[in-house]
Amino acid sequence: MLIPIIYEDNHVIVVEKPVNIPVQEDATGDKDMLTLLKEDIKVRYQKPGNVYLGLVHRLDRPVGGVMVFAKTSKAASRLSDAMRRQAFDKKYLAAVRGKPQKDAGRLEHYLWKDKNKNQVYVKPKGKEGAKKALLEYNVIASHRELALINVALYTGRSHQIRVQLSEIGCPIYGDQKYGSSVNKPGEQIALWAHELSFEHPVKKEMMSFKANPPKEYPWDAFNIIQQHEY
């Protein structure tokens, strides 16, 4: 499988991650983003030996959208540091069941992960191991029982957007883990990494990249995605 490349130079490669591909090798043994991209770079540039590719951030396996990888260790170090300092601007689109009470808002929760179950829970502040999770959202459109939401992510907690939206009564369409009461098996989760902005690790220029979700349900119920930029 060839991964769509949005931008590439000697230091970084920005791609559109397809849905249902793990970012790195997992227990399934399925081909992952790191392996696929390394193989692609090796072939395109006829590189001998191992290809370096640094993982800077992650997307859940069922989630697609914009990702950046580092092509040198220096770029990886600088981008990882920027990620820790929350200097990345990450925006997502989500199609949710129901509609938030407010058309725009800021969500702050404390999330605790059960690593054995790979499940994240909202816990009271002060709970040992619970980490602050922060995002802002605004409702772009609605269609029947669904709403299209733009999410600005300020912390990168595991399953954060999925858990926080579910906590306010708006689980993401197709999310079996955090919306099993309203979603059916086989539905593709409607969460998409729509925009990624960061300072280039070497050129020090601000860069911004976008990718639209696929033209399929539930995304195609919101024609507004293709007509406007968010």
Protein backbone atom coordinates (compact mmCIF):
# COMPACT_ATOMS: atom_id res chain seq x y z
CA MET A 1 0.00 0.00 0.00
CA LEU A 2 1.28 3.46 -0.93
CA ILE A 3 0.70 6.19 1.64
CA PRO A 4 -0.43 9.55 0.16
CA ILE A 5 2.38 12.09 0.63
CA ILE A 6 1.33 15.70 1.26
CA TYR A 7 4.81 17.23 1.67
CA GLU A 8 8.37 15.98 1.84
CA ASP A 9 11.87 17.45 2.15
CA ASN A 10 15.18 16.22 3.55
CA HIS A 11 13.99 16.60 7.16
CA VAL A 12 10.28 15.74 7.37
CA ILE A 13 7.60 13.84 5.53
CA VAL A 14 3.92 14.76 5.96
CA VAL A 15 1.41 12.13 4.91
CA GLU A 16 -2.28 11.28 4.97
CA LYS A 17 -2.66 8.24 7.19
CA PRO A 18 -5.29 5.83 5.86
CA VAL A 19 -7.84 4.51 8.35
CA ASN A 20 -7.28 1.18 10.10
CA ILE A 21 -3.51 1.08 9.72
CA PRO A 22 -1.47 1.07 12.94
CA VAL A 23 1.11 3.84 13.31
CA GLN A 24 3.75 1.40 14.49
CA GLU A 25 4.03 -2.37 14.76
CA ASP A 26 1.48 -3.92 17.10
CA ALA A 27 0.40 -7.40 18.19
CA THR A 28 -1.62 -7.98 15.02
CA GLY A 29 1.49 -8.03 12.84
CA ASP A 30 -0.35 -5.95 10.22
CA LYS A 31 1.71 -3.57 8.11
CA ASP A 32 2.14 -0.25 9.94
CA MET A 33 2.83 3.34 8.91
CA LEU A 34 6.49 3.36 9.94
CA THR A 35 7.24 0.15 8.02
CA LEU A 36 5.29 1.19 4.91
CA LEU A 37 6.92 4.62 4.74
CA LYS A 38 10.42 3.26 5.30
CA GLU A 39 9.88 0.76 2.49
CA ASP A 40 8.56 3.52 0.22
CA ILE A 41 11.51 5.86 0.94
CA LYS A 42 14.00 3.01 0.45
CA VAL A 43 12.55 2.24 -3.00
CA ARG A 44 12.04 5.84 -4.19
CA TYR A 45 15.53 6.99 -3.19
CA GLN A 46 17.24 3.62 -3.76
CA LYS A 47 18.70 3.77 -0.27
CA PRO A 48 20.96 0.93 0.86
CA GLY A 49 20.62 -0.39 4.40
CA ASN A 50 18.13 0.80 6.98
CA VAL A 51 16.05 3.94 6.48
CA TYR A 52 15.69 6.29 9.46
CA LEU A 53 12.18 7.51 10.24
CA GLY A 54 11.25 9.09 13.56
CA LEU A 55 7.79 8.79 15.10
CA VAL A 56 6.75 12.20 16.45
CA HIS A 57 3.08 11.70 17.33
CA ARG A 58 0.37 9.05 17.04
CA LEU A 59 -3.13 8.50 15.75
CA ASP A 60 -5.36 5.66 16.91
CA ARG A 61 -5.43 2.79 14.42
CA PRO A 62 -9.00 3.46 13.15
CA VAL A 63 -8.35 7.20 12.73
CA GLY A 64 -7.04 8.71 9.50
CA GLY A 65 -5.62 12.10 8.55
CA VAL A 66 -2.50 14.27 8.61
CA MET A 67 0.69 13.00 10.25
CA VAL A 68 4.30 14.14 10.21
CA PHE A 69 7.35 11.88 10.52
CA ALA A 70 10.98 12.95 10.93
CA LYS A 71 13.57 11.85 8.38
CA THR A 72 16.59 12.66 10.58
CA SER A 73 17.32 12.20 14.26
CA LYS A 74 17.83 15.96 14.66
CA ALA A 75 14.40 16.68 13.19
CA ALA A 76 12.87 13.97 15.37
CA SER A 77 14.36 15.47 18.52
CA ARG A 78 13.18 18.99 17.71
CA LEU A 79 9.70 17.96 16.64
CA SER A 80 9.27 15.73 19.69
CA ASP A 81 10.33 18.64 21.90
CA ALA A 82 7.80 20.91 20.15
CA MET A 83 5.13 18.28 20.74
CA ARG A 84 5.99 18.15 24.45
CA ARG A 85 5.77 21.95 24.63
CA GLN A 86 2.37 21.74 22.94
CA ALA A 87 3.72 23.89 20.11
CA PHE A 88 1.87 21.81 17.51
CA ASP A 89 -1.54 23.02 16.35
CA LYS A 90 -3.74 19.96 15.85
CA LYS A 91 -7.30 20.16 14.55
CA TYR A 92 -9.67 17.28 14.04
CA LEU A 93 -13.09 16.71 12.53
CA ALA A 94 -15.54 14.40 14.29
CA ALA A 95 -19.04 13.30 13.38
CA VAL A 96 -20.82 12.62 16.66
CA ARG A 97 -24.10 11.12 17.77
CA GLY A 98 -26.36 13.84 19.15
CA LYS A 99 -25.29 17.45 19.56
CA PRO A 100 -23.45 19.26 22.38
CA GLN A 101 -25.58 21.54 24.56
CA LYS A 102 -23.38 24.47 23.52
CA ASP A 103 -22.33 25.13 19.91
CA ALA A 104 -18.80 25.89 21.11
CA GLY A 105 -16.93 25.15 24.29
CA ARG A 106 -13.83 24.06 26.15
CA LEU A 107 -13.64 20.61 27.67
CA GLU A 108 -11.34 19.80 30.56
CA HIS A 109 -11.24 16.36 32.12
CA TYR A 110 -8.78 14.17 33.95
CA LEU A 111 -8.17 10.90 32.15
CA TRP A 112 -6.84 7.64 33.52
CA LYS A 113 -5.84 4.74 31.28
CA ASP A 114 -6.30 1.08 32.14
CA LYS A 115 -3.37 -0.29 30.17
CA ASN A 116 -4.52 -3.90 30.49
CA LYS A 117 -7.86 -3.11 28.83
CA ASN A 118 -6.51 -0.27 26.63
CA GLN A 119 -9.46 1.74 27.92
CA VAL A 120 -9.48 5.35 29.16
CA TYR A 121 -11.78 6.68 31.89
CA VAL A 122 -12.70 10.12 33.20
CA LYS A 123 -11.64 10.41 36.85
CA PRO A 124 -11.76 13.11 39.54
CA LYS A 125 -8.88 15.57 39.65
CA GLY A 126 -6.15 14.24 41.92
CA LYS A 127 -6.70 10.58 41.07
CA GLU A 128 -3.29 8.92 40.90
CA GLY A 129 -2.22 8.52 37.28
CA ALA A 130 -5.01 10.72 35.90
CA LYS A 131 -3.75 13.34 33.44
CA LYS A 132 -5.35 16.64 32.48
CA ALA A 133 -6.97 16.63 29.04
CA LEU A 134 -7.95 19.84 27.29
CA LEU A 135 -9.67 20.58 23.99
CA GLU A 136 -11.90 23.19 22.41
CA TYR A 137 -14.68 22.44 19.96
CA ASN A 138 -17.25 24.13 17.78
CA VAL A 139 -20.22 22.65 15.95
CA ILE A 140 -19.95 23.21 12.19
CA ALA A 141 -23.12 21.51 10.98
CA SER A 142 -25.77 18.94 11.85
CA HIS A 143 -27.56 16.23 9.89
CA ARG A 144 -30.45 14.33 11.45
CA GLU A 145 -29.08 12.74 14.64
CA LEU A 146 -25.45 13.63 13.82
CA ALA A 147 -23.35 16.75 14.35
CA LEU A 148 -20.07 17.69 12.68
CA ILE A 149 -17.57 19.10 15.16
CA ASN A 150 -14.24 20.86 14.71
CA VAL A 151 -11.84 20.02 17.56
CA ALA A 152 -8.67 21.88 18.55
CA LEU A 153 -6.56 19.54 20.65
CA TYR A 154 -4.28 21.02 23.32
CA THR A 155 -3.13 17.85 25.09
CA GLY A 156 -2.37 14.54 23.47
CA ARG A 157 -3.84 11.99 25.86
CA SER A 158 -4.66 8.48 24.74
CA HIS A 159 -8.15 8.30 23.16
CA GLN A 160 -8.69 11.86 24.42
CA ILE A 161 -11.18 13.22 21.87
CA ARG A 162 -13.17 10.00 21.87
CA VAL A 163 -13.47 9.91 25.66
CA GLN A 164 -14.18 13.60 26.18
CA LEU A 165 -16.91 13.81 23.53
CA SER A 166 -18.49 10.63 24.87
CA GLU A 167 -18.40 12.11 28.38
CA ILE A 168 -20.62 15.04 27.27
CA GLY A 169 -23.12 12.66 25.69
CA CYS A 170 -21.83 12.88 22.11
CA PRO A 171 -19.92 9.70 21.29
CA ILE A 172 -18.21 9.68 17.91
CA TYR A 173 -20.03 7.84 15.13
CA GLY A 174 -18.69 4.32 14.77
CA ASP A 175 -16.68 4.34 18.01
CA GLN A 176 -17.27 0.89 19.50
CA LYS A 177 -15.11 1.48 22.55
CA TYR A 178 -16.66 4.71 23.84
CA GLY A 179 -20.06 4.60 22.16
CA SER A 180 -21.07 0.95 22.07
CA SER A 181 -24.65 1.72 23.15
CA VAL A 182 -25.37 3.75 19.98
CA ASN A 183 -22.86 2.43 17.44
CA LYS A 184 -23.02 -0.82 15.52
CA PRO A 185 -20.15 -3.22 14.85
CA GLY A 186 -18.60 -2.58 11.44
CA GLU A 187 -19.16 1.18 11.44
CA GLN A 188 -15.97 3.13 10.72
CA ILE A 189 -15.11 5.64 13.43
CA ALA A 190 -15.70 9.19 12.14
CA LEU A 191 -12.69 10.96 13.63
CA TRP A 192 -10.20 12.58 11.25
CA ALA A 193 -6.94 14.48 11.79
CA HIS A 194 -7.86 17.42 9.56
CA GLU A 195 -5.05 19.96 10.06
CA LEU A 196 -1.53 19.97 11.47
CA SER A 197 0.61 23.08 11.93
CA PHE A 198 4.14 23.23 13.34
CA GLU A 199 7.46 25.02 13.02
CA HIS A 200 9.82 23.30 10.59
CA PRO A 201 12.60 21.74 12.71
CA VAL A 202 15.41 23.18 10.54
CA LYS A 203 13.99 26.04 8.44
CA LYS A 204 12.12 27.45 11.47
CA GLU A 205 9.18 28.39 9.25
CA MET A 206 5.58 27.75 10.30
CA MET A 207 4.00 25.08 8.14
CA SER A 208 0.38 24.00 7.92
CA PHE A 209 -1.13 20.97 6.19
CA LYS A 210 -4.69 19.77 5.68
CA ALA A 211 -6.45 16.65 4.49
CA ASN A 212 -10.19 16.15 4.08
CA PRO A 213 -11.95 12.99 5.24
CA PRO A 214 -13.11 10.46 2.63
CA LYS A 215 -16.29 11.14 0.65
CA GLU A 216 -18.32 8.46 2.36
CA TYR A 217 -20.91 8.24 5.12
CA PRO A 218 -21.15 9.91 7.55
CA TRP A 219 -18.75 12.54 6.15
CA ASP A 220 -20.65 12.97 2.90
CA ALA A 221 -23.79 13.85 4.84
CA PHE A 222 -22.04 17.14 5.60
CA ASN A 223 -21.41 18.67 2.16
CA ILE A 224 -19.98 21.65 4.03
CA ILE A 225 -16.64 19.80 4.48
CA GLN A 226 -15.91 19.86 0.76
CA GLN A 227 -17.27 23.37 0.23
CA HIS A 228 -15.38 25.25 2.94
CA GLU A 229 -12.05 25.30 4.70
CA TYR A 230 -11.94 24.81 8.48
